[in-house]
Protein backbone atom coordinates (compact mmCIF):
# COMPACT_ATOMS: atom_id res chain seq x y z
CA MET A 1 64.92 -12.33 209.97
CA GLY A 2 62.71 -14.11 207.48
CA THR A 3 60.71 -17.30 207.38
CA VAL A 4 62.18 -20.23 205.48
CA VAL A 5 60.06 -22.93 203.86
CA VAL A 6 61.53 -26.34 203.07
CA THR A 7 60.47 -27.61 199.63
CA ARG A 8 59.71 -31.22 198.76
CA ASN A 9 63.33 -31.53 197.58
CA TYR A 10 64.50 -30.26 201.00
CA GLN A 11 65.67 -26.98 199.52
CA ILE A 12 65.32 -23.58 201.17
CA THR A 13 65.31 -20.03 199.82
CA ILE A 14 67.40 -17.37 201.51
CA SER A 15 65.39 -14.18 201.99
CA LYS A 16 66.21 -11.16 199.83
CA ASP A 17 67.40 -8.98 202.72
CA ILE A 18 69.92 -11.63 203.81
CA ARG A 19 71.10 -12.22 200.22
CA GLU A 20 71.69 -8.50 199.78
CA GLN A 21 73.49 -8.07 203.12
CA LEU A 22 75.86 -10.96 202.40
CA ASP A 23 76.12 -10.26 198.65
CA ILE A 24 75.08 -13.82 197.79
CA SER A 25 74.83 -14.56 194.06
CA ILE A 26 73.35 -17.44 192.11
CA GLY A 27 75.73 -20.40 191.99
CA GLU A 28 77.83 -19.36 194.99
CA LYS A 29 78.83 -22.16 197.33
CA MET A 30 77.95 -22.18 201.00
CA ILE A 31 78.61 -24.54 203.88
CA SER A 32 76.18 -25.66 206.54
CA ASN A 33 76.58 -27.27 209.95
CA ILE A 34 74.75 -27.75 213.22
CA ASP A 35 76.13 -25.95 216.27
CA GLU A 36 76.17 -27.09 219.90
CA ASN A 37 72.67 -25.65 220.42
CA GLY A 38 71.20 -27.71 217.58
CA GLU A 39 70.88 -24.67 215.31
CA ILE A 40 71.61 -24.86 211.60
CA LYS A 41 74.33 -22.46 210.50
CA ILE A 42 74.86 -21.58 206.84
CA LYS A 43 77.99 -19.68 205.88
CA LYS A 44 79.06 -18.13 202.60
CA ILE A 45 82.35 -19.56 201.35
CA ASN A 46 84.80 -16.89 200.30
CA LYS A 47 86.53 -17.53 197.02
CA SER A 48 89.80 -19.38 197.18
CA PRO A 49 92.96 -17.49 196.27
CA VAL A 50 93.12 -19.48 193.05
CA GLU A 51 89.59 -18.45 192.06
CA ALA A 52 90.29 -14.84 193.04
CA ALA A 53 93.44 -14.80 190.88
CA PHE A 54 91.74 -16.46 187.90
CA GLY A 55 91.78 -14.07 184.99
CA MET A 56 94.13 -11.57 186.62
CA TRP A 57 96.22 -11.45 183.46
CA LYS A 58 93.27 -9.92 181.60
CA ARG A 59 93.89 -6.64 183.45
CA MET A 60 97.62 -6.64 182.71
CA LYS A 61 98.93 -4.31 180.04
CA ILE A 62 101.62 -6.84 179.10
CA THR A 63 101.34 -10.56 178.46
CA GLY A 64 102.25 -13.15 181.06
CA LYS A 65 105.36 -14.07 179.06
CA GLU A 66 106.46 -10.43 178.86
CA TYR A 67 105.94 -10.04 182.61
CA GLU A 68 107.95 -13.20 183.31
CA ASP A 69 110.79 -11.96 181.09
CA LYS A 70 110.77 -8.62 182.91
CA ILE A 71 111.03 -10.31 186.31
CA ARG A 72 113.83 -12.60 185.13
CA LYS A 73 115.73 -9.60 183.76
CA GLU A 74 115.38 -7.81 187.10
CA TRP A 75 116.67 -10.91 188.91
CA GLY A 76 119.70 -10.93 186.64
CA GLU A 77 120.40 -7.26 187.32
CA ARG A 78 120.26 -7.87 191.10
CA ASP A 79 122.86 -10.65 190.89
CA VAL A 80 125.46 -8.33 189.40
């Protein structure tokens, strides 16, 4: 547990040990709220499925069009 200082712009810095434990990187989004005990809670937002899938085609050995054609061909073979 570390000490947090509020700057004149009402910003805080998350201590290094917490950043490392939660794998928090620069630019990541977080949410904050106040619980029933009046404590501030800050939670790391996990990436959305869309963000997680972004760029997935870069790892593919075939293009998106080739993959689509392959799937369509397989569909056609199943109908027979």
